[in-house]
Amino acid sequence: MEWYLKALKSYAVFEGRSRRREYWMFTLVNMIISVVLAALSFGTLESLYALVMFIPSLAVSVRRLHDTGRSGWWLLVGLIPFLGALVLIYFFIQDSYPGENQYGPNPKFEIVEYEVLED
């Protein structure tokens, strides 16, 4: 749930990179919520939820492609029936581009600053 909320905080941020874990956890939680809403409301709430989640899903997908060193425009390959979905899944399961790329630093190795507490 932490990764889902992290992706929601970047609601419409298309710059930067997203790790595999962020993308797949967001996708998993999104699918679970969609299935539950569809089962409880016969599709009405699920349709509304899908509409609200369209932009965050698009943003996290673009950032995931950036993490593999590809432009977000590669999402358009998904318009090709069946083959497009397979290509995108292949891109989404690939490991991060090592080091920094044109889209920013590798999110796997972000430096976390800790505050030192003094007595």
N, C-alpha and C. Protein backbone atom coordinates (compact mmCIF):
# COMPACT_ATOMS: atom_id res chain seq x y z
N MET A 1 0.83 -1.19 0.00
CA MET A 1 0.00 0.00 0.00
C MET A 1 0.88 1.26 0.00
N GLU A 2 2.06 1.15 0.60
CA GLU A 2 2.99 2.28 0.66
C GLU A 2 3.36 2.75 -0.74
N TRP A 3 3.63 1.80 -1.64
CA TRP A 3 4.02 2.16 -3.01
C TRP A 3 2.85 2.74 -3.78
N TYR A 4 1.66 2.26 -3.51
CA TYR A 4 0.45 2.79 -4.14
C TYR A 4 0.27 4.26 -3.76
N LEU A 5 0.40 4.54 -2.47
CA LEU A 5 0.26 5.91 -1.99
C LEU A 5 1.38 6.80 -2.52
N LYS A 6 2.58 6.25 -2.63
CA LYS A 6 3.70 7.02 -3.18
C LYS A 6 3.40 7.43 -4.62
N ALA A 7 2.84 6.51 -5.40
CA ALA A 7 2.50 6.83 -6.78
C ALA A 7 1.36 7.85 -6.84
N LEU A 8 0.42 7.78 -5.90
CA LEU A 8 -0.68 8.74 -5.88
C LEU A 8 -0.20 10.14 -5.51
N LYS A 9 0.84 10.22 -4.69
CA LYS A 9 1.39 11.54 -4.34
C LYS A 9 1.96 12.23 -5.57
N SER A 10 2.40 11.44 -6.53
CA SER A 10 2.91 11.97 -7.80
C SER A 10 1.80 11.87 -8.84
N TYR A 11 0.61 12.33 -8.48
CA TYR A 11 -0.61 12.14 -9.26
C TYR A 11 -0.43 12.37 -10.77
N ALA A 12 0.11 13.50 -11.14
CA ALA A 12 0.25 13.81 -12.57
C ALA A 12 1.67 14.21 -12.90
N VAL A 13 2.64 13.57 -12.25
CA VAL A 13 4.05 13.87 -12.50
C VAL A 13 4.56 12.87 -13.54
N PHE A 14 4.91 13.39 -14.71
CA PHE A 14 5.38 12.55 -15.79
C PHE A 14 6.89 12.58 -15.94
N GLU A 15 7.56 13.43 -15.14
CA GLU A 15 9.02 13.49 -15.17
C GLU A 15 9.58 12.53 -14.14
N GLY A 16 10.82 12.14 -14.34
CA GLY A 16 11.49 11.28 -13.38
C GLY A 16 11.34 9.80 -13.71
N ARG A 17 11.64 8.99 -12.71
CA ARG A 17 11.67 7.55 -12.90
C ARG A 17 10.92 6.84 -11.78
N SER A 18 10.36 5.68 -12.09
CA SER A 18 9.70 4.84 -11.09
C SER A 18 10.30 3.44 -11.14
N ARG A 19 10.58 2.91 -9.97
CA ARG A 19 11.11 1.55 -9.88
C ARG A 19 10.06 0.53 -10.28
N ARG A 20 10.52 -0.69 -10.54
CA ARG A 20 9.59 -1.78 -10.84
C ARG A 20 8.61 -1.98 -9.70
N ARG A 21 9.13 -1.96 -8.48
CA ARG A 21 8.28 -2.21 -7.31
C ARG A 21 7.16 -1.18 -7.23
N GLU A 22 7.48 0.09 -7.44
CA GLU A 22 6.45 1.13 -7.39
C GLU A 22 5.39 0.87 -8.46
N TYR A 23 5.81 0.57 -9.67
CA TYR A 23 4.86 0.35 -10.76
C TYR A 23 3.97 -0.87 -10.49
N TRP A 24 4.59 -2.01 -10.15
CA TRP A 24 3.81 -3.24 -10.00
C TRP A 24 2.94 -3.23 -8.75
N MET A 25 3.41 -2.61 -7.66
CA MET A 25 2.56 -2.53 -6.47
C MET A 25 1.38 -1.59 -6.72
N PHE A 26 1.62 -0.49 -7.42
CA PHE A 26 0.54 0.42 -7.79
C PHE A 26 -0.48 -0.33 -8.65
N THR A 27 0.00 -1.08 -9.63
CA THR A 27 -0.88 -1.83 -10.52
C THR A 27 -1.67 -2.89 -9.77
N LEU A 28 -1.02 -3.60 -8.86
CA LEU A 28 -1.69 -4.65 -8.09
C LEU A 28 -2.81 -4.07 -7.22
N VAL A 29 -2.49 -3.03 -6.45
CA VAL A 29 -3.50 -2.43 -5.57
C VAL A 29 -4.63 -1.83 -6.41
N ASN A 30 -4.27 -1.22 -7.51
CA ASN A 30 -5.27 -0.64 -8.41
C ASN A 30 -6.23 -1.72 -8.92
N MET A 31 -5.69 -2.85 -9.32
CA MET A 31 -6.52 -3.96 -9.82
C MET A 31 -7.42 -4.52 -8.72
N ILE A 32 -6.88 -4.69 -7.53
CA ILE A 32 -7.68 -5.22 -6.41
C ILE A 32 -8.85 -4.28 -6.10
N ILE A 33 -8.56 -2.99 -6.01
CA ILE A 33 -9.63 -2.03 -5.73
C ILE A 33 -10.66 -2.04 -6.85
N SER A 34 -10.23 -2.13 -8.08
CA SER A 34 -11.16 -2.16 -9.22
C SER A 34 -12.07 -3.38 -9.16
N VAL A 35 -11.52 -4.54 -8.86
CA VAL A 35 -12.31 -5.77 -8.80
C VAL A 35 -13.32 -5.70 -7.66
N VAL A 36 -12.89 -5.21 -6.51
CA VAL A 36 -13.80 -5.10 -5.37
C VAL A 36 -14.93 -4.12 -5.67
N LEU A 37 -14.58 -2.96 -6.23
CA LEU A 37 -15.61 -1.98 -6.57
C LEU A 37 -16.57 -2.51 -7.63
N ALA A 38 -16.07 -3.23 -8.61
CA ALA A 38 -16.93 -3.80 -9.65
C ALA A 38 -17.88 -4.83 -9.06
N ALA A 39 -17.38 -5.63 -8.12
CA ALA A 39 -18.22 -6.66 -7.51
C ALA A 39 -19.28 -6.05 -6.61
N LEU A 40 -18.96 -4.96 -5.94
CA LEU A 40 -19.90 -4.36 -4.99
C LEU A 40 -20.92 -3.44 -5.64
N SER A 41 -20.57 -2.85 -6.76
CA SER A 41 -21.45 -1.83 -7.33
C SER A 41 -21.89 -2.12 -8.76
N PHE A 42 -21.62 -3.30 -9.23
CA PHE A 42 -21.99 -3.69 -10.59
C PHE A 42 -21.40 -2.75 -11.64
N GLY A 43 -20.21 -2.23 -11.36
CA GLY A 43 -19.47 -1.46 -12.36
C GLY A 43 -19.56 0.05 -12.24
N THR A 44 -20.55 0.57 -11.53
CA THR A 44 -20.72 2.01 -11.46
C THR A 44 -19.54 2.68 -10.75
N LEU A 45 -19.26 2.25 -9.53
CA LEU A 45 -18.13 2.83 -8.79
C LEU A 45 -16.80 2.49 -9.45
N GLU A 46 -16.71 1.32 -10.02
CA GLU A 46 -15.45 0.91 -10.67
C GLU A 46 -15.17 1.81 -11.87
N SER A 47 -16.20 2.17 -12.60
CA SER A 47 -16.01 3.06 -13.75
C SER A 47 -15.55 4.44 -13.30
N LEU A 48 -16.13 4.94 -12.24
CA LEU A 48 -15.73 6.23 -11.69
C LEU A 48 -14.29 6.17 -11.18
N TYR A 49 -13.97 5.08 -10.49
CA TYR A 49 -12.60 4.89 -9.97
C TYR A 49 -11.60 4.82 -11.14
N ALA A 50 -11.94 4.10 -12.18
CA ALA A 50 -11.06 3.98 -13.35
C ALA A 50 -10.82 5.34 -13.99
N LEU A 51 -11.85 6.15 -14.05
CA LEU A 51 -11.72 7.49 -14.61
C LEU A 51 -10.78 8.36 -13.77
N VAL A 52 -10.93 8.29 -12.46
CA VAL A 52 -10.08 9.07 -11.56
C VAL A 52 -8.63 8.58 -11.61
N MET A 53 -8.44 7.28 -11.76
CA MET A 53 -7.10 6.71 -11.72
C MET A 53 -6.39 6.69 -13.08
N PHE A 54 -7.03 7.19 -14.13
CA PHE A 54 -6.43 7.17 -15.45
C PHE A 54 -5.11 7.96 -15.50
N ILE A 55 -5.12 9.19 -15.00
CA ILE A 55 -3.93 10.03 -15.04
C ILE A 55 -2.80 9.45 -14.18
N PRO A 56 -3.07 9.03 -12.92
CA PRO A 56 -1.96 8.44 -12.14
C PRO A 56 -1.40 7.17 -12.78
N SER A 57 -2.26 6.36 -13.39
CA SER A 57 -1.78 5.14 -14.06
C SER A 57 -0.90 5.48 -15.25
N LEU A 58 -1.30 6.47 -15.99
CA LEU A 58 -0.52 6.93 -17.13
C LEU A 58 0.82 7.50 -16.67
N ALA A 59 0.80 8.29 -15.60
CA ALA A 59 2.02 8.91 -15.09
C ALA A 59 3.02 7.87 -14.57
N VAL A 60 2.55 6.90 -13.81
CA VAL A 60 3.47 5.89 -13.28
C VAL A 60 4.00 5.00 -14.40
N SER A 61 3.21 4.79 -15.44
CA SER A 61 3.68 4.01 -16.59
C SER A 61 4.77 4.76 -17.36
N VAL A 62 4.57 6.05 -17.54
CA VAL A 62 5.59 6.86 -18.23
C VAL A 62 6.88 6.88 -17.41
N ARG A 63 6.75 7.08 -16.10
CA ARG A 63 7.96 7.09 -15.24
C ARG A 63 8.65 5.73 -15.25
N ARG A 64 7.88 4.65 -15.34
CA ARG A 64 8.48 3.31 -15.41
C ARG A 64 9.27 3.15 -16.71
N LEU A 65 8.71 3.63 -17.81
CA LEU A 65 9.44 3.57 -19.08
C LEU A 65 10.70 4.43 -19.01
N HIS A 66 10.61 5.58 -18.36
CA HIS A 66 11.80 6.42 -18.17
C HIS A 66 12.87 5.67 -17.41
N ASP A 67 12.47 4.87 -16.44
CA ASP A 67 13.43 4.12 -15.63
C ASP A 67 14.19 3.10 -16.46
N THR A 68 13.59 2.63 -17.54
CA THR A 68 14.27 1.67 -18.41
C THR A 68 15.00 2.38 -19.55
N GLY A 69 15.00 3.72 -19.52
CA GLY A 69 15.72 4.48 -20.53
C GLY A 69 14.92 4.76 -21.79
N ARG A 70 13.59 4.61 -21.71
CA ARG A 70 12.73 4.82 -22.88
C ARG A 70 11.83 6.03 -22.68
N SER A 71 11.42 6.60 -23.77
CA SER A 71 10.49 7.72 -23.74
C SER A 71 9.09 7.23 -23.36
N GLY A 72 8.31 8.11 -22.77
CA GLY A 72 6.93 7.78 -22.43
C GLY A 72 6.06 7.54 -23.66
N TRP A 73 6.51 8.02 -24.82
CA TRP A 73 5.77 7.80 -26.05
C TRP A 73 5.67 6.32 -26.41
N TRP A 74 6.51 5.49 -25.81
CA TRP A 74 6.43 4.05 -26.06
C TRP A 74 5.09 3.47 -25.59
N LEU A 75 4.37 4.19 -24.75
CA LEU A 75 3.05 3.70 -24.33
C LEU A 75 2.11 3.55 -25.52
N LEU A 76 2.35 4.30 -26.57
CA LEU A 76 1.48 4.21 -27.75
C LEU A 76 1.57 2.86 -28.44
N VAL A 77 2.65 2.12 -28.18
CA VAL A 77 2.77 0.78 -28.77
C VAL A 77 1.65 -0.13 -28.23
N GLY A 78 1.10 0.24 -27.08
CA GLY A 78 -0.01 -0.52 -26.51
C GLY A 78 -1.27 -0.47 -27.35
N LEU A 79 -1.32 0.43 -28.31
CA LEU A 79 -2.48 0.50 -29.21
C LEU A 79 -2.50 -0.63 -30.23
N ILE A 80 -1.37 -1.30 -30.40
CA ILE A 80 -1.31 -2.45 -31.30
C ILE A 80 -1.91 -3.65 -30.55
N PRO A 81 -2.96 -4.23 -31.08
CA PRO A 81 -3.61 -5.34 -30.36
C PRO A 81 -2.64 -6.48 -30.04
N PHE A 82 -2.74 -6.99 -28.83
CA PHE A 82 -1.99 -8.12 -28.29
C PHE A 82 -0.48 -7.89 -28.28
N LEU A 83 0.13 -7.67 -29.43
CA LEU A 83 1.58 -7.49 -29.52
C LEU A 83 2.04 -6.28 -28.72
N GLY A 84 1.27 -5.19 -28.79
CA GLY A 84 1.62 -3.98 -28.06
C GLY A 84 1.65 -4.21 -26.56
N ALA A 85 0.67 -4.94 -26.05
CA ALA A 85 0.63 -5.25 -24.62
C ALA A 85 1.82 -6.11 -24.21
N LEU A 86 2.19 -7.06 -25.04
CA LEU A 86 3.35 -7.91 -24.73
C LEU A 86 4.65 -7.09 -24.69
N VAL A 87 4.80 -6.17 -25.63
CA VAL A 87 5.99 -5.33 -25.67
C VAL A 87 6.06 -4.46 -24.40
N LEU A 88 4.92 -3.87 -24.02
CA LEU A 88 4.91 -3.03 -22.82
C LEU A 88 5.20 -3.85 -21.56
N ILE A 89 4.64 -5.02 -21.45
CA ILE A 89 4.92 -5.87 -20.28
C ILE A 89 6.41 -6.19 -20.23
N TYR A 90 7.00 -6.48 -21.37
CA TYR A 90 8.44 -6.74 -21.43
C TYR A 90 9.23 -5.52 -20.93
N PHE A 91 8.85 -4.33 -21.37
CA PHE A 91 9.53 -3.11 -20.92
C PHE A 91 9.35 -2.91 -19.42
N PHE A 92 8.13 -3.16 -18.92
CA PHE A 92 7.84 -2.91 -17.52
C PHE A 92 8.54 -3.89 -16.57
N ILE A 93 8.86 -5.09 -17.04
CA ILE A 93 9.53 -6.05 -16.16
C ILE A 93 11.05 -5.94 -16.21
N GLN A 94 11.56 -5.13 -17.14
CA GLN A 94 13.01 -4.97 -17.22
C GLN A 94 13.54 -4.22 -16.00
N ASP A 95 14.82 -4.49 -15.68
CA ASP A 95 15.47 -3.81 -14.58
C ASP A 95 15.72 -2.35 -14.95
N SER A 96 15.97 -1.55 -13.95
CA SER A 96 16.26 -0.13 -14.16
C SER A 96 17.50 0.06 -15.01
N TYR A 97 17.51 1.16 -15.75
CA TYR A 97 18.72 1.55 -16.47
C TYR A 97 19.74 1.93 -15.41
N PRO A 98 20.93 1.33 -15.44
CA PRO A 98 21.90 1.58 -14.36
C PRO A 98 22.38 3.03 -14.38
N GLY A 99 22.52 3.57 -13.20
CA GLY A 99 23.03 4.94 -13.08
C GLY A 99 22.00 5.97 -13.50
N GLU A 100 22.50 7.17 -13.73
CA GLU A 100 21.63 8.26 -14.14
C GLU A 100 21.40 8.21 -15.64
N ASN A 101 20.19 8.54 -16.07
CA ASN A 101 19.91 8.66 -17.49
C ASN A 101 19.29 10.03 -17.74
N GLN A 102 18.81 10.27 -18.93
CA GLN A 102 18.28 11.59 -19.28
C GLN A 102 17.03 11.96 -18.49
N TYR A 103 16.43 10.99 -17.79
CA TYR A 103 15.21 11.24 -17.03
C TYR A 103 15.47 11.42 -15.53
N GLY A 104 16.72 11.28 -15.12
CA GLY A 104 17.06 11.51 -13.72
C GLY A 104 17.90 10.39 -13.13
N PRO A 105 18.19 10.50 -11.83
CA PRO A 105 19.00 9.48 -11.16
C PRO A 105 18.22 8.18 -10.96
N ASN A 106 18.95 7.10 -10.80
CA ASN A 106 18.34 5.79 -10.58
C ASN A 106 17.62 5.79 -9.23
N PRO A 107 16.30 5.54 -9.20
CA PRO A 107 15.56 5.58 -7.94
C PRO A 107 15.93 4.45 -6.97
N LYS A 108 16.61 3.42 -7.45
CA LYS A 108 17.04 2.35 -6.54
C LYS A 108 18.09 2.84 -5.57
N PHE A 109 18.84 3.83 -6.00
CA PHE A 109 19.97 4.26 -5.21
C PHE A 109 19.82 5.70 -4.73
N GLU A 110 18.57 6.11 -4.45
CA GLU A 110 18.35 7.45 -3.92
C GLU A 110 19.00 7.56 -2.55
N ILE A 111 19.61 8.68 -2.32
CA ILE A 111 20.26 8.92 -1.03
C ILE A 111 19.20 9.39 -0.05
N VAL A 112 19.09 8.68 1.04
CA VAL A 112 18.12 9.02 2.07
C VAL A 112 18.87 9.73 3.18
N GLU A 113 18.41 10.93 3.51
CA GLU A 113 19.06 11.68 4.57
C GLU A 113 18.34 11.40 5.88
N TYR A 114 19.12 11.13 6.89
CA TYR A 114 18.58 10.88 8.21
C TYR A 114 18.96 12.03 9.12
N GLU A 115 18.02 12.42 9.96
CA GLU A 115 18.28 13.48 10.91
C GLU A 115 18.89 12.88 12.15
N VAL A 116 19.98 13.45 12.62
CA VAL A 116 20.65 12.95 13.80
C VAL A 116 20.01 13.60 15.02
N LEU A 117 19.53 12.75 15.90
CA LEU A 117 18.90 13.25 17.13
C LEU A 117 19.92 13.32 18.24
N GLU A 118 19.98 14.46 18.89
CA GLU A 118 20.91 14.63 20.00
C GLU A 118 20.12 14.64 21.30
N ASP A 119 20.73 14.09 22.33
CA ASP A 119 20.06 14.05 23.64
C ASP A 119 20.06 15.39 24.31
